[in-house]
Amino acid sequence: MFEIIAFEMHYVGGRVESELSLIAYSDEFYDTYQKIYNACFYDMRKALDIKPYNFYSSKEQITDKKDNIYLLIQNEKLIGSVACYSNEIDDLIVNKAFQGQGYGTELVFWAINHLQNTANELPIKLHVSKWNENALSLYEKNNFKCTKVEKIR
């Protein structure tokens, strides 16, 4: 069994503006969202032996979360998504077909801006697995600093 380490990170930068226009999640996007979400997290979940490897398998799993999920749709394609809960950024994903094009950074900026305008609680925080080096690098480049190391398993 693998040891799973995650970092709690806090945003330490200033005000952020975002030109992105995201829409609130709706069930009409569930099939595409499920496919992209599972594809984004499958390799990590498999490498760390977190079962099920494909997390989402039904709409019911998303029922309590969907009011906080925002989608980036361009040309009728789901590019990516991010969830914002209270003062926390979660489940930031970019469709594998669009990775490496700056969408991850844009989604981070959108989420920070959204929380700066809506969250009463500070600081803005997120959690990221040590295994997910690309996400960790993205967050560090965008003014997130590790505040706590957590051993999950």
N, C-alpha and C. Protein backbone atom coordinates (compact mmCIF):
# COMPACT_ATOMS: atom_id res chain seq x y z
N MET A 1 0.84 -1.18 0.00
CA MET A 1 0.00 0.00 0.00
C MET A 1 0.89 1.24 0.00
N PHE A 2 0.50 2.22 -0.80
CA PHE A 2 1.25 3.45 -0.93
C PHE A 2 0.87 4.44 0.16
N GLU A 3 1.87 5.19 0.60
CA GLU A 3 1.61 6.32 1.48
C GLU A 3 1.10 7.46 0.61
N ILE A 4 0.03 8.09 1.05
CA ILE A 4 -0.54 9.20 0.29
C ILE A 4 -0.35 10.48 1.08
N ILE A 5 0.35 11.40 0.46
CA ILE A 5 0.62 12.70 1.08
C ILE A 5 -0.12 13.77 0.28
N ALA A 6 -0.77 14.67 1.00
CA ALA A 6 -1.43 15.80 0.37
C ALA A 6 -0.97 17.08 1.05
N PHE A 7 -1.04 18.15 0.32
CA PHE A 7 -0.66 19.46 0.85
C PHE A 7 -1.90 20.34 0.93
N GLU A 8 -2.06 21.02 2.05
CA GLU A 8 -3.02 22.11 2.11
C GLU A 8 -2.25 23.35 1.71
N MET A 9 -2.79 24.09 0.77
CA MET A 9 -2.12 25.29 0.28
C MET A 9 -3.06 26.48 0.43
N HIS A 10 -2.47 27.64 0.75
CA HIS A 10 -3.24 28.87 0.89
C HIS A 10 -2.76 29.87 -0.16
N TYR A 11 -3.69 30.62 -0.68
CA TYR A 11 -3.36 31.67 -1.64
C TYR A 11 -2.77 32.86 -0.90
N VAL A 12 -1.59 33.32 -1.33
CA VAL A 12 -0.90 34.41 -0.65
C VAL A 12 -0.71 35.62 -1.57
N GLY A 13 -1.33 35.59 -2.74
CA GLY A 13 -1.22 36.71 -3.68
C GLY A 13 -2.28 37.76 -3.41
N GLY A 14 -2.34 38.71 -4.31
CA GLY A 14 -3.29 39.81 -4.19
C GLY A 14 -4.57 39.56 -4.94
N ARG A 15 -5.28 40.64 -5.22
CA ARG A 15 -6.53 40.57 -5.98
C ARG A 15 -6.24 40.01 -7.37
N VAL A 16 -7.18 39.24 -7.88
CA VAL A 16 -7.05 38.63 -9.19
C VAL A 16 -8.30 38.98 -10.00
N GLU A 17 -8.09 39.26 -11.27
CA GLU A 17 -9.20 39.48 -12.19
C GLU A 17 -9.22 38.32 -13.18
N SER A 18 -10.39 38.01 -13.69
CA SER A 18 -10.52 36.92 -14.66
C SER A 18 -11.48 37.34 -15.75
N GLU A 19 -11.10 37.07 -16.98
CA GLU A 19 -11.95 37.36 -18.13
C GLU A 19 -12.80 36.15 -18.51
N LEU A 20 -12.54 35.01 -17.87
CA LEU A 20 -13.29 33.80 -18.21
C LEU A 20 -14.76 33.93 -17.84
N SER A 21 -15.56 33.26 -18.61
CA SER A 21 -16.99 33.19 -18.32
C SER A 21 -17.34 31.71 -18.13
N LEU A 22 -17.58 31.32 -16.89
CA LEU A 22 -17.97 29.96 -16.59
C LEU A 22 -19.47 29.92 -16.31
N ILE A 23 -20.04 28.77 -16.51
CA ILE A 23 -21.46 28.59 -16.23
C ILE A 23 -21.62 27.61 -15.07
N ALA A 24 -22.73 27.73 -14.39
CA ALA A 24 -23.03 26.79 -13.31
C ALA A 24 -23.28 25.41 -13.90
N TYR A 25 -22.83 24.40 -13.20
CA TYR A 25 -23.05 23.02 -13.62
C TYR A 25 -24.55 22.76 -13.74
N SER A 26 -24.91 21.97 -14.74
CA SER A 26 -26.27 21.43 -14.81
C SER A 26 -26.16 19.99 -15.30
N ASP A 27 -27.17 19.20 -14.96
CA ASP A 27 -27.13 17.76 -15.26
C ASP A 27 -27.02 17.45 -16.74
N GLU A 28 -27.36 18.38 -17.61
CA GLU A 28 -27.21 18.11 -19.04
C GLU A 28 -25.75 17.86 -19.42
N PHE A 29 -24.82 18.31 -18.58
CA PHE A 29 -23.40 18.13 -18.84
C PHE A 29 -22.81 16.94 -18.10
N TYR A 30 -23.64 16.21 -17.34
CA TYR A 30 -23.10 15.17 -16.47
C TYR A 30 -22.25 14.15 -17.22
N ASP A 31 -22.71 13.59 -18.31
CA ASP A 31 -21.96 12.53 -19.00
C ASP A 31 -20.58 13.01 -19.42
N THR A 32 -20.50 14.21 -19.97
CA THR A 32 -19.21 14.75 -20.38
C THR A 32 -18.35 15.07 -19.17
N TYR A 33 -18.96 15.69 -18.16
CA TYR A 33 -18.23 16.02 -16.93
C TYR A 33 -17.67 14.76 -16.29
N GLN A 34 -18.49 13.73 -16.18
CA GLN A 34 -18.05 12.46 -15.59
C GLN A 34 -16.84 11.91 -16.35
N LYS A 35 -16.92 11.88 -17.65
CA LYS A 35 -15.84 11.33 -18.47
C LYS A 35 -14.55 12.11 -18.27
N ILE A 36 -14.63 13.43 -18.31
CA ILE A 36 -13.43 14.27 -18.17
C ILE A 36 -12.88 14.19 -16.75
N TYR A 37 -13.76 14.26 -15.75
CA TYR A 37 -13.33 14.17 -14.36
C TYR A 37 -12.60 12.86 -14.11
N ASN A 38 -13.21 11.76 -14.50
CA ASN A 38 -12.60 10.45 -14.28
C ASN A 38 -11.28 10.33 -15.02
N ALA A 39 -11.19 10.84 -16.25
CA ALA A 39 -9.94 10.78 -17.01
C ALA A 39 -8.84 11.59 -16.33
N CYS A 40 -9.21 12.73 -15.75
CA CYS A 40 -8.21 13.58 -15.10
C CYS A 40 -7.64 12.95 -13.83
N PHE A 41 -8.45 12.22 -13.10
CA PHE A 41 -7.99 11.67 -11.83
C PHE A 41 -7.66 10.17 -11.86
N TYR A 42 -7.92 9.51 -12.96
CA TYR A 42 -7.73 8.06 -13.05
C TYR A 42 -6.28 7.65 -12.77
N ASP A 43 -5.32 8.26 -13.45
CA ASP A 43 -3.91 7.86 -13.28
C ASP A 43 -3.45 8.01 -11.83
N MET A 44 -3.82 9.11 -11.21
CA MET A 44 -3.43 9.31 -9.82
C MET A 44 -4.09 8.30 -8.91
N ARG A 45 -5.40 8.11 -9.07
CA ARG A 45 -6.12 7.18 -8.20
C ARG A 45 -5.58 5.76 -8.37
N LYS A 46 -5.23 5.39 -9.61
CA LYS A 46 -4.68 4.05 -9.84
C LYS A 46 -3.28 3.92 -9.24
N ALA A 47 -2.44 4.90 -9.48
CA ALA A 47 -1.06 4.86 -8.94
C ALA A 47 -1.06 4.79 -7.42
N LEU A 48 -2.01 5.48 -6.79
CA LEU A 48 -2.08 5.51 -5.33
C LEU A 48 -3.03 4.45 -4.77
N ASP A 49 -3.57 3.63 -5.67
CA ASP A 49 -4.50 2.56 -5.32
C ASP A 49 -5.69 3.08 -4.50
N ILE A 50 -6.29 4.16 -5.01
CA ILE A 50 -7.50 4.71 -4.42
C ILE A 50 -8.67 4.22 -5.27
N LYS A 51 -9.45 3.34 -4.68
CA LYS A 51 -10.56 2.75 -5.44
C LYS A 51 -11.87 3.41 -5.06
N PRO A 52 -12.79 3.53 -5.98
CA PRO A 52 -12.68 3.13 -7.38
C PRO A 52 -11.78 4.09 -8.16
N TYR A 53 -11.09 3.57 -9.16
CA TYR A 53 -10.20 4.40 -9.96
C TYR A 53 -10.99 5.47 -10.72
N ASN A 54 -12.15 5.11 -11.22
CA ASN A 54 -13.07 6.09 -11.81
C ASN A 54 -14.07 6.45 -10.73
N PHE A 55 -13.94 7.64 -10.20
CA PHE A 55 -14.71 8.03 -9.03
C PHE A 55 -16.19 8.18 -9.32
N TYR A 56 -16.53 8.97 -10.34
CA TYR A 56 -17.95 9.20 -10.62
C TYR A 56 -18.54 8.08 -11.46
N SER A 57 -19.65 7.54 -10.98
CA SER A 57 -20.34 6.50 -11.72
C SER A 57 -21.85 6.77 -11.82
N SER A 58 -22.32 7.82 -11.11
CA SER A 58 -23.75 8.14 -11.19
C SER A 58 -23.97 9.61 -10.83
N LYS A 59 -25.06 10.16 -11.35
CA LYS A 59 -25.41 11.56 -11.07
C LYS A 59 -25.64 11.80 -9.59
N GLU A 60 -26.10 10.78 -8.89
CA GLU A 60 -26.39 10.95 -7.47
C GLU A 60 -25.15 11.36 -6.67
N GLN A 61 -23.98 10.94 -7.12
CA GLN A 61 -22.74 11.29 -6.41
C GLN A 61 -22.46 12.78 -6.44
N ILE A 62 -23.00 13.47 -7.40
CA ILE A 62 -22.71 14.89 -7.58
C ILE A 62 -23.81 15.79 -7.02
N THR A 63 -24.90 15.20 -6.59
CA THR A 63 -26.07 15.96 -6.16
C THR A 63 -25.74 17.05 -5.15
N ASP A 64 -25.00 16.73 -4.11
CA ASP A 64 -24.69 17.70 -3.06
C ASP A 64 -23.61 18.70 -3.47
N LYS A 65 -22.93 18.44 -4.55
CA LYS A 65 -21.81 19.29 -4.97
C LYS A 65 -22.15 20.23 -6.11
N LYS A 66 -23.18 19.90 -6.88
CA LYS A 66 -23.36 20.55 -8.17
C LYS A 66 -23.63 22.05 -8.10
N ASP A 67 -24.13 22.55 -6.99
CA ASP A 67 -24.36 23.99 -6.88
C ASP A 67 -23.06 24.78 -6.78
N ASN A 68 -21.96 24.10 -6.58
CA ASN A 68 -20.66 24.76 -6.41
C ASN A 68 -19.67 24.44 -7.53
N ILE A 69 -20.14 23.79 -8.58
CA ILE A 69 -19.28 23.41 -9.71
C ILE A 69 -19.56 24.35 -10.87
N TYR A 70 -18.48 24.82 -11.48
CA TYR A 70 -18.57 25.76 -12.58
C TYR A 70 -17.82 25.18 -13.79
N LEU A 71 -18.42 25.37 -14.96
CA LEU A 71 -17.90 24.76 -16.19
C LEU A 71 -17.42 25.81 -17.17
N LEU A 72 -16.30 25.50 -17.80
CA LEU A 72 -15.79 26.32 -18.90
C LEU A 72 -16.16 25.62 -20.20
N ILE A 73 -17.07 26.21 -20.93
CA ILE A 73 -17.56 25.66 -22.19
C ILE A 73 -17.14 26.61 -23.31
N GLN A 74 -16.50 26.08 -24.33
CA GLN A 74 -16.16 26.88 -25.51
C GLN A 74 -16.49 26.06 -26.75
N ASN A 75 -17.15 26.69 -27.69
CA ASN A 75 -17.55 26.00 -28.93
C ASN A 75 -18.26 24.68 -28.63
N GLU A 76 -19.14 24.73 -27.63
CA GLU A 76 -19.94 23.59 -27.22
C GLU A 76 -19.14 22.41 -26.69
N LYS A 77 -17.89 22.67 -26.28
CA LYS A 77 -17.04 21.64 -25.69
C LYS A 77 -16.72 22.00 -24.25
N LEU A 78 -16.74 21.00 -23.38
CA LEU A 78 -16.35 21.20 -22.00
C LEU A 78 -14.83 21.20 -21.93
N ILE A 79 -14.28 22.38 -21.68
CA ILE A 79 -12.82 22.55 -21.61
C ILE A 79 -12.31 22.16 -20.23
N GLY A 80 -13.02 22.61 -19.21
CA GLY A 80 -12.58 22.33 -17.85
C GLY A 80 -13.64 22.74 -16.85
N SER A 81 -13.28 22.58 -15.59
CA SER A 81 -14.23 22.84 -14.52
C SER A 81 -13.47 23.11 -13.23
N VAL A 82 -14.15 23.78 -12.32
CA VAL A 82 -13.61 24.00 -10.99
C VAL A 82 -14.78 24.10 -10.02
N ALA A 83 -14.56 23.61 -8.81
CA ALA A 83 -15.56 23.72 -7.75
C ALA A 83 -15.04 24.71 -6.71
N CYS A 84 -15.95 25.50 -6.17
CA CYS A 84 -15.61 26.47 -5.13
C CYS A 84 -16.57 26.28 -3.97
N TYR A 85 -16.03 25.85 -2.84
CA TYR A 85 -16.83 25.61 -1.63
C TYR A 85 -16.35 26.57 -0.55
N SER A 86 -17.21 27.45 -0.11
CA SER A 86 -16.87 28.40 0.95
C SER A 86 -15.60 29.15 0.55
N ASN A 87 -14.47 28.82 1.12
CA ASN A 87 -13.21 29.47 0.76
C ASN A 87 -12.22 28.49 0.14
N GLU A 88 -12.73 27.38 -0.41
CA GLU A 88 -11.84 26.34 -0.93
C GLU A 88 -12.07 26.07 -2.41
N ILE A 89 -10.96 25.94 -3.13
CA ILE A 89 -10.96 25.54 -4.53
C ILE A 89 -10.78 24.03 -4.55
N ASP A 90 -11.61 23.34 -5.36
CA ASP A 90 -11.56 21.89 -5.38
C ASP A 90 -11.80 21.39 -6.80
N ASP A 91 -11.35 20.20 -7.08
CA ASP A 91 -11.63 19.49 -8.33
C ASP A 91 -11.44 20.35 -9.58
N LEU A 92 -10.32 21.05 -9.65
CA LEU A 92 -10.00 21.79 -10.87
C LEU A 92 -9.53 20.78 -11.91
N ILE A 93 -10.25 20.72 -13.02
CA ILE A 93 -9.90 19.76 -14.08
C ILE A 93 -9.88 20.47 -15.42
N VAL A 94 -9.02 19.95 -16.29
CA VAL A 94 -8.97 20.41 -17.68
C VAL A 94 -9.03 19.18 -18.56
N ASN A 95 -9.95 19.19 -19.48
CA ASN A 95 -10.09 18.12 -20.47
C ASN A 95 -8.71 17.81 -21.04
N LYS A 96 -8.33 16.55 -21.08
CA LYS A 96 -6.99 16.18 -21.55
C LYS A 96 -6.69 16.71 -22.95
N ALA A 97 -7.72 16.85 -23.78
CA ALA A 97 -7.53 17.37 -25.14
C ALA A 97 -7.11 18.84 -25.13
N PHE A 98 -7.29 19.53 -24.00
CA PHE A 98 -6.98 20.96 -23.93
C PHE A 98 -5.90 21.29 -22.90
N GLN A 99 -5.28 20.27 -22.34
CA GLN A 99 -4.22 20.52 -21.36
C GLN A 99 -2.99 21.10 -22.05
N GLY A 100 -2.24 21.88 -21.28
CA GLY A 100 -1.03 22.50 -21.80
C GLY A 100 -1.28 23.77 -22.60
N GLN A 101 -2.51 24.29 -22.55
CA GLN A 101 -2.85 25.49 -23.31
C GLN A 101 -3.19 26.68 -22.40
N GLY A 102 -2.91 26.56 -21.12
CA GLY A 102 -3.13 27.67 -20.19
C GLY A 102 -4.48 27.69 -19.51
N TYR A 103 -5.33 26.71 -19.81
CA TYR A 103 -6.66 26.70 -19.20
C TYR A 103 -6.61 26.46 -17.69
N GLY A 104 -5.66 25.66 -17.23
CA GLY A 104 -5.54 25.42 -15.80
C GLY A 104 -5.28 26.72 -15.04
N THR A 105 -4.35 27.52 -15.55
CA THR A 105 -4.05 28.81 -14.93
C THR A 105 -5.27 29.72 -14.97
N GLU A 106 -5.95 29.75 -16.10
CA GLU A 106 -7.15 30.59 -16.21
C GLU A 106 -8.24 30.16 -15.23
N LEU A 107 -8.40 28.85 -15.06
CA LEU A 107 -9.39 28.36 -14.10
C LEU A 107 -9.00 28.71 -12.66
N VAL A 108 -7.70 28.64 -12.36
CA VAL A 108 -7.23 29.04 -11.02
C VAL A 108 -7.57 30.50 -10.79
N PHE A 109 -7.25 31.37 -11.76
CA PHE A 109 -7.54 32.80 -11.61
C PHE A 109 -9.04 33.03 -11.45
N TRP A 110 -9.85 32.32 -12.24
CA TRP A 110 -11.30 32.48 -12.13
C TRP A 110 -11.77 32.11 -10.72
N ALA A 111 -11.27 30.98 -10.22
CA ALA A 111 -11.69 30.51 -8.89
C ALA A 111 -11.25 31.49 -7.80
N ILE A 112 -10.04 31.98 -7.88
CA ILE A 112 -9.57 32.95 -6.88
C ILE A 112 -10.46 34.19 -6.93
N ASN A 113 -10.69 34.71 -8.13
CA ASN A 113 -11.53 35.90 -8.30
C ASN A 113 -12.93 35.65 -7.74
N HIS A 114 -13.49 34.49 -8.08
CA HIS A 114 -14.83 34.14 -7.60
C HIS A 114 -14.87 34.13 -6.07
N LEU A 115 -13.90 33.49 -5.46
CA LEU A 115 -13.89 33.41 -3.99
C LEU A 115 -13.58 34.76 -3.35
N GLN A 116 -12.73 35.55 -3.98
CA GLN A 116 -12.46 36.88 -3.44
C GLN A 116 -13.73 37.74 -3.44
N ASN A 117 -14.62 37.47 -4.37
CA ASN A 117 -15.85 38.25 -4.47
C ASN A 117 -17.02 37.65 -3.70
N THR A 118 -16.90 36.40 -3.26
CA THR A 118 -18.04 35.75 -2.61
C THR A 118 -17.75 35.15 -1.25
N ALA A 119 -16.51 34.79 -0.98
CA ALA A 119 -16.20 34.07 0.27
C ALA A 119 -16.03 35.05 1.43
N ASN A 120 -16.66 34.73 2.53
CA ASN A 120 -16.48 35.52 3.74
C ASN A 120 -15.26 35.05 4.52
N GLU A 121 -14.91 33.80 4.27
CA GLU A 121 -13.80 33.21 5.01
C GLU A 121 -12.51 33.33 4.20
N LEU A 122 -11.46 33.67 4.89
CA LEU A 122 -10.15 33.69 4.26
C LEU A 122 -9.24 32.83 5.11
N PRO A 123 -8.17 32.30 4.66
CA PRO A 123 -7.65 32.48 3.31
C PRO A 123 -8.30 31.52 2.32
N ILE A 124 -8.07 31.78 1.05
CA ILE A 124 -8.48 30.84 0.01
C ILE A 124 -7.52 29.67 0.08
N LYS A 125 -8.08 28.47 0.06
CA LYS A 125 -7.22 27.30 0.21
C LYS A 125 -7.62 26.21 -0.78
N LEU A 126 -6.75 25.22 -0.88
CA LEU A 126 -7.01 24.03 -1.69
C LEU A 126 -6.16 22.91 -1.14
N HIS A 127 -6.45 21.70 -1.59
CA HIS A 127 -5.68 20.52 -1.23
C HIS A 127 -5.21 19.85 -2.52
N VAL A 128 -3.98 19.39 -2.51
CA VAL A 128 -3.43 18.73 -3.70
C VAL A 128 -2.54 17.58 -3.26
N SER A 129 -2.64 16.49 -3.99
CA SER A 129 -1.80 15.33 -3.70
C SER A 129 -0.36 15.59 -4.12
N LYS A 130 0.56 15.14 -3.30
CA LYS A 130 1.98 15.24 -3.65
C LYS A 130 2.25 14.54 -4.98
N TRP A 131 1.50 13.48 -5.26
CA TRP A 131 1.67 12.72 -6.50
C TRP A 131 1.40 13.59 -7.72
N ASN A 132 0.48 14.53 -7.61
CA ASN A 132 0.04 15.34 -8.75
C ASN A 132 0.97 16.54 -8.95
N GLU A 133 2.17 16.25 -9.46
CA GLU A 133 3.21 17.27 -9.60
C GLU A 133 2.81 18.42 -10.51
N ASN A 134 2.05 18.13 -11.57
CA ASN A 134 1.62 19.20 -12.48
C ASN A 134 0.71 20.19 -11.76
N ALA A 135 -0.24 19.69 -11.01
CA ALA A 135 -1.16 20.57 -10.28
C ALA A 135 -0.39 21.33 -9.20
N LEU A 136 0.49 20.65 -8.50
CA LEU A 136 1.28 21.29 -7.46
C LEU A 136 2.09 22.45 -8.03
N SER A 137 2.71 22.23 -9.18
CA SER A 137 3.48 23.27 -9.84
C SER A 137 2.58 24.44 -10.27
N LEU A 138 1.42 24.12 -10.83
CA LEU A 138 0.47 25.15 -11.24
C LEU A 138 0.11 26.05 -10.06
N TYR A 139 -0.21 25.45 -8.94
CA TYR A 139 -0.62 26.24 -7.78
C TYR A 139 0.54 27.05 -7.21
N GLU A 140 1.73 26.47 -7.14
CA GLU A 140 2.88 27.21 -6.64
C GLU A 140 3.19 28.41 -7.53
N LYS A 141 3.09 28.25 -8.84
CA LYS A 141 3.36 29.35 -9.78
C LYS A 141 2.33 30.46 -9.65
N ASN A 142 1.18 30.14 -9.07
CA ASN A 142 0.10 31.12 -8.96
C ASN A 142 -0.18 31.53 -7.52
N ASN A 143 0.91 31.62 -6.75
CA ASN A 143 0.90 32.21 -5.40
C ASN A 143 0.18 31.40 -4.33
N PHE A 144 0.19 30.07 -4.46
CA PHE A 144 -0.27 29.22 -3.38
C PHE A 144 0.96 28.69 -2.65
N LYS A 145 0.90 28.71 -1.34
CA LYS A 145 1.99 28.22 -0.50
C LYS A 145 1.48 27.10 0.38
N CYS A 146 2.33 26.09 0.55
CA CYS A 146 1.98 24.96 1.42
C CYS A 146 1.92 25.43 2.87
N THR A 147 0.81 25.12 3.52
CA THR A 147 0.65 25.48 4.93
C THR A 147 0.59 24.26 5.84
N LYS A 148 0.32 23.11 5.21
CA LYS A 148 0.20 21.89 6.02
C LYS A 148 0.42 20.67 5.13
N VAL A 149 1.13 19.70 5.65
CA VAL A 149 1.33 18.42 4.97
C VAL A 149 0.46 17.40 5.70
N GLU A 150 -0.33 16.67 4.93
CA GLU A 150 -1.26 15.71 5.51
C GLU A 150 -0.97 14.31 4.98
N LYS A 151 -0.83 13.37 5.89
CA LYS A 151 -0.71 11.96 5.49
C LYS A 151 -2.12 11.41 5.44
N ILE A 152 -2.58 11.06 4.24
CA ILE A 152 -3.93 10.56 4.05
C ILE A 152 -3.99 9.08 4.41
N ARG A 153 -2.97 8.38 4.02
CA ARG A 153 -2.92 6.93 4.29
C ARG A 153 -1.46 6.52 4.33
